Amino acid sequence: MVKSLDQIERTSRGTVTVSTPRELGITPGASEAGRELYVATVGTGPTHVWLQGRIHGNEPYGTDTLLDILRTAGSNGSRNWKRIREELTLHIIRCTTPTGASSTSGTPSFRMGADRSTDGRPTQPPVVL
């Protein structure tokens, strides 16, 4: 995960910066297990937008999409993307639960309830999709 962010930061020619929440003055700035989180920032606009992926470790959705958004926002020279970077500051946290993400198989299960507790047990009957 960190390698992907570092690569995007290097290839963006200064448009994307990667830091920790602590470096941005946000506390506590780490996961519940104490692991460091990383935030990629692109844009200089007055409106700050936070995009978060993999909020629960057993939900591997969104991380690749966030990387695609970050790559495009950081390197696309089109007039539209330049305007977005001027009007918005995007803060992207690819994974907010790195401990949970590394402890799961990464294989999505479509037999899960919509509301699940943090330990993975359903808090309501499962919904079969």
C-alpha atoms as a PDB file:
ATOM      1  CA  MET A   1       0.000   0.000   0.000  1.00  0.00           C
ATOM      2  CA  VAL A   2       2.725   2.479   0.953  1.00  0.00           C
ATOM      3  CA  LYS A   3       4.704   1.561  -2.176  1.00  0.00           C
ATOM      4  CA  SER A   4       1.731   2.462  -4.385  1.00  0.00           C
ATOM      5  CA  LEU A   5       1.358   5.849  -2.707  1.00  0.00           C
ATOM      6  CA  ASP A   6       5.099   6.541  -2.907  1.00  0.00           C
ATOM      7  CA  GLN A   7       5.105   5.701  -6.617  1.00  0.00           C
ATOM      8  CA  ILE A   8       2.164   8.013  -7.305  1.00  0.00           C
ATOM      9  CA  GLU A   9       3.822  10.784  -5.291  1.00  0.00           C
ATOM     10  CA  ARG A  10       7.086  10.416  -7.278  1.00  0.00           C
ATOM     11  CA  THR A  11       5.416  10.357 -10.687  1.00  0.00           C
ATOM     12  CA  SER A  12       3.074  13.282  -9.958  1.00  0.00           C
ATOM     13  CA  ARG A  13       5.931  15.816 -10.158  1.00  0.00           C
ATOM     14  CA  GLY A  14       5.003  17.451  -6.882  1.00  0.00           C
ATOM     15  CA  THR A  15       1.245  17.482  -7.336  1.00  0.00           C
ATOM     16  CA  VAL A  16       0.616  14.650  -4.837  1.00  0.00           C
ATOM     17  CA  THR A  17       2.082  14.594  -1.338  1.00  0.00           C
ATOM     18  CA  VAL A  18       1.928  11.646   1.039  1.00  0.00           C
ATOM     19  CA  SER A  19       2.005  12.236   4.773  1.00  0.00           C
ATOM     20  CA  THR A  20       0.556  10.904   7.987  1.00  0.00           C
ATOM     21  CA  PRO A  21      -2.482  12.372   9.736  1.00  0.00           C
ATOM     22  CA  ARG A  22      -0.158  13.411  12.578  1.00  0.00           C
ATOM     23  CA  GLU A  23       1.919  15.435  10.115  1.00  0.00           C
ATOM     24  CA  LEU A  24      -1.312  17.178   9.097  1.00  0.00           C
ATOM     25  CA  GLY A  25      -2.105  17.965  12.741  1.00  0.00           C
ATOM     26  CA  ILE A  26      -4.843  15.340  13.040  1.00  0.00           C
ATOM     27  CA  THR A  27      -4.905  13.231  16.161  1.00  0.00           C
ATOM     28  CA  PRO A  28      -4.813  10.449  17.057  1.00  0.00           C
ATOM     29  CA  GLY A  29      -3.507   9.861  13.519  1.00  0.00           C
ATOM     30  CA  ALA A  30      -3.129   6.093  13.762  1.00  0.00           C
ATOM     31  CA  SER A  31      -5.366   3.057  13.463  1.00  0.00           C
ATOM     32  CA  GLU A  32      -7.036   1.618  16.563  1.00  0.00           C
ATOM     33  CA  ALA A  33      -4.201  -0.920  16.706  1.00  0.00           C
ATOM     34  CA  GLY A  34      -1.628   1.891  16.624  1.00  0.00           C
ATOM     35  CA  ARG A  35      -0.479   1.380  13.031  1.00  0.00           C
ATOM     36  CA  GLU A  36       0.491   4.434  11.019  1.00  0.00           C
ATOM     37  CA  LEU A  37      -2.035   5.700   8.472  1.00  0.00           C
ATOM     38  CA  TYR A  38      -1.083   7.501   5.264  1.00  0.00           C
ATOM     39  CA  VAL A  39      -2.894  10.347   3.564  1.00  0.00           C
ATOM     40  CA  ALA A  40      -2.285  11.354  -0.043  1.00  0.00           C
ATOM     41  CA  THR A  41      -3.156  14.970  -0.766  1.00  0.00           C
ATOM     42  CA  VAL A  42      -3.685  16.566  -4.156  1.00  0.00           C
ATOM     43  CA  GLY A  43      -4.969  20.041  -4.972  1.00  0.00           C
ATOM     44  CA  THR A  44      -4.745  23.451  -3.370  1.00  0.00           C
ATOM     45  CA  GLY A  45      -8.367  24.517  -3.251  1.00  0.00           C
ATOM     46  CA  PRO A  46     -10.169  25.977  -0.265  1.00  0.00           C
ATOM     47  CA  THR A  47     -12.680  23.108  -0.124  1.00  0.00           C
ATOM     48  CA  HIS A  48     -11.227  20.002   1.501  1.00  0.00           C
ATOM     49  CA  VAL A  49     -12.667  16.624   0.510  1.00  0.00           C
ATOM     50  CA  TRP A  50     -11.804  13.408   2.370  1.00  0.00           C
ATOM     51  CA  LEU A  51     -12.027  10.099   0.494  1.00  0.00           C
ATOM     52  CA  GLN A  52     -11.591   6.940   2.550  1.00  0.00           C
ATOM     53  CA  GLY A  53     -11.296   3.344   1.483  1.00  0.00           C
ATOM     54  CA  ARG A  54     -11.397   0.027   3.234  1.00  0.00           C
ATOM     55  CA  ILE A  55     -13.011   1.419   6.336  1.00  0.00           C
ATOM     56  CA  HIS A  56     -13.558  -2.125   7.635  1.00  0.00           C
ATOM     57  CA  GLY A  57     -10.751  -4.635   7.162  1.00  0.00           C
ATOM     58  CA  ASN A  58     -13.028  -7.293   5.716  1.00  0.00           C
ATOM     59  CA  GLU A  59     -14.359  -4.950   3.018  1.00  0.00           C
ATOM     60  CA  PRO A  60     -11.720  -4.738   0.290  1.00  0.00           C
ATOM     61  CA  TYR A  61     -13.742  -2.416  -1.916  1.00  0.00           C
ATOM     62  CA  GLY A  62     -12.706   1.022  -3.080  1.00  0.00           C
ATOM     63  CA  THR A  63      -8.948   0.958  -2.596  1.00  0.00           C
ATOM     64  CA  ASP A  64      -8.115   0.476  -6.282  1.00  0.00           C
ATOM     65  CA  THR A  65     -10.662   3.114  -7.251  1.00  0.00           C
ATOM     66  CA  LEU A  66      -9.088   5.591  -4.842  1.00  0.00           C
ATOM     67  CA  LEU A  67      -5.647   4.927  -6.330  1.00  0.00           C
ATOM     68  CA  ASP A  68      -7.057   5.517  -9.824  1.00  0.00           C
ATOM     69  CA  ILE A  69      -8.611   8.808  -8.687  1.00  0.00           C
ATOM     70  CA  LEU A  70      -5.333   9.837  -7.064  1.00  0.00           C
ATOM     71  CA  ARG A  71      -3.249   8.964 -10.150  1.00  0.00           C
ATOM     72  CA  THR A  72      -5.608  10.862 -12.427  1.00  0.00           C
ATOM     73  CA  ALA A  73      -6.037  13.871 -10.152  1.00  0.00           C
ATOM     74  CA  GLY A  74      -2.297  14.084  -9.629  1.00  0.00           C
ATOM     75  CA  SER A  75      -1.073  13.727 -13.171  1.00  0.00           C
ATOM     76  CA  ASN A  76      -3.837  14.553 -15.641  1.00  0.00           C
ATOM     77  CA  GLY A  77      -3.101  17.873 -17.328  1.00  0.00           C
ATOM     78  CA  SER A  78      -6.576  18.464 -18.721  1.00  0.00           C
ATOM     79  CA  ARG A  79      -8.317  21.760 -18.066  1.00  0.00           C
ATOM     80  CA  ASN A  80     -11.005  20.010 -15.990  1.00  0.00           C
ATOM     81  CA  TRP A  81      -8.511  18.308 -13.661  1.00  0.00           C
ATOM     82  CA  LYS A  82      -6.506  21.505 -13.290  1.00  0.00           C
ATOM     83  CA  ARG A  83      -9.684  23.287 -12.235  1.00  0.00           C
ATOM     84  CA  ILE A  84     -10.535  20.514  -9.752  1.00  0.00           C
ATOM     85  CA  ARG A  85      -7.034  20.833  -8.223  1.00  0.00           C
ATOM     86  CA  GLU A  86      -7.485  24.606  -7.964  1.00  0.00           C
ATOM     87  CA  GLU A  87     -10.936  24.418  -6.363  1.00  0.00           C
ATOM     88  CA  LEU A  88     -10.531  21.323  -4.163  1.00  0.00           C
ATOM     89  CA  THR A  89      -7.956  19.781  -1.894  1.00  0.00           C
ATOM     90  CA  LEU A  90      -8.462  16.011  -1.971  1.00  0.00           C
ATOM     91  CA  HIS A  91      -7.223  13.981   1.004  1.00  0.00           C
ATOM     92  CA  ILE A  92      -7.247  10.266   0.238  1.00  0.00           C
ATOM     93  CA  ILE A  93      -6.828   7.594   2.881  1.00  0.00           C
ATOM     94  CA  ARG A  94      -6.650   4.337   0.997  1.00  0.00           C
ATOM     95  CA  CYS A  95      -7.068   2.073   4.034  1.00  0.00           C
ATOM     96  CA  THR A  96      -8.277   3.170   7.450  1.00  0.00           C
ATOM     97  CA  THR A  97      -7.907  -0.272   9.047  1.00  0.00           C
ATOM     98  CA  PRO A  98      -4.517  -1.649   7.964  1.00  0.00           C
ATOM     99  CA  THR A  99      -4.508  -4.273  10.734  1.00  0.00           C
ATOM    100  CA  GLY A 100      -7.898  -5.650   9.699  1.00  0.00           C
ATOM    101  CA  ALA A 101      -6.924  -5.526   6.036  1.00  0.00           C
ATOM    102  CA  SER A 102      -3.777  -7.567   6.593  1.00  0.00           C
ATOM    103  CA  SER A 103      -5.588 -10.150   8.713  1.00  0.00           C
ATOM    104  CA  THR A 104      -8.301 -11.004   6.193  1.00  0.00           C
ATOM    105  CA  SER A 105      -8.015 -13.086   3.080  1.00  0.00           C
ATOM    106  CA  GLY A 106      -9.082 -10.213   0.851  1.00  0.00           C
ATOM    107  CA  THR A 107     -11.683 -12.441  -0.745  1.00  0.00           C
ATOM    108  CA  PRO A 108     -15.016 -10.651  -0.707  1.00  0.00           C
ATOM    109  CA  SER A 109     -17.995 -12.535   0.598  1.00  0.00           C
ATOM    110  CA  PHE A 110     -21.314 -11.699  -0.985  1.00  0.00           C
ATOM    111  CA  ARG A 111     -23.137 -13.532   1.763  1.00  0.00           C
ATOM    112  CA  MET A 112     -22.786 -10.815   4.382  1.00  0.00           C
ATOM    113  CA  GLY A 113     -25.226  -8.666   6.206  1.00  0.00           C
ATOM    114  CA  ALA A 114     -25.287  -4.978   5.485  1.00  0.00           C
ATOM    115  CA  ASP A 115     -24.603  -4.141   9.137  1.00  0.00           C
ATOM    116  CA  ARG A 116     -21.643  -5.952  10.664  1.00  0.00           C
ATOM    117  CA  SER A 117     -19.838  -5.412  13.935  1.00  0.00           C
ATOM    118  CA  THR A 118     -16.107  -4.672  13.967  1.00  0.00           C
ATOM    119  CA  ASP A 119     -15.258  -8.265  14.838  1.00  0.00           C
ATOM    120  CA  GLY A 120     -16.984  -9.522  11.687  1.00  0.00           C
ATOM    121  CA  ARG A 121     -20.053 -11.017  13.361  1.00  0.00           C
ATOM    122  CA  PRO A 122     -23.366 -10.020  11.812  1.00  0.00           C
ATOM    123  CA  THR A 123     -25.521  -7.746  13.928  1.00  0.00           C
ATOM    124  CA  GLN A 124     -28.570  -8.545  11.831  1.00  0.00           C
ATOM    125  CA  PRO A 125     -29.572 -11.565   9.728  1.00  0.00           C
ATOM    126  CA  PRO A 126     -27.398 -11.900   6.612  1.00  0.00           C
ATOM    127  CA  VAL A 127     -28.695 -10.686   3.273  1.00  0.00           C
ATOM    128  CA  VAL A 128     -28.032 -12.998   0.334  1.00  0.00           C
ATOM    129  CA  LEU A 129     -27.258 -11.029  -2.814  1.00  0.00           C
END
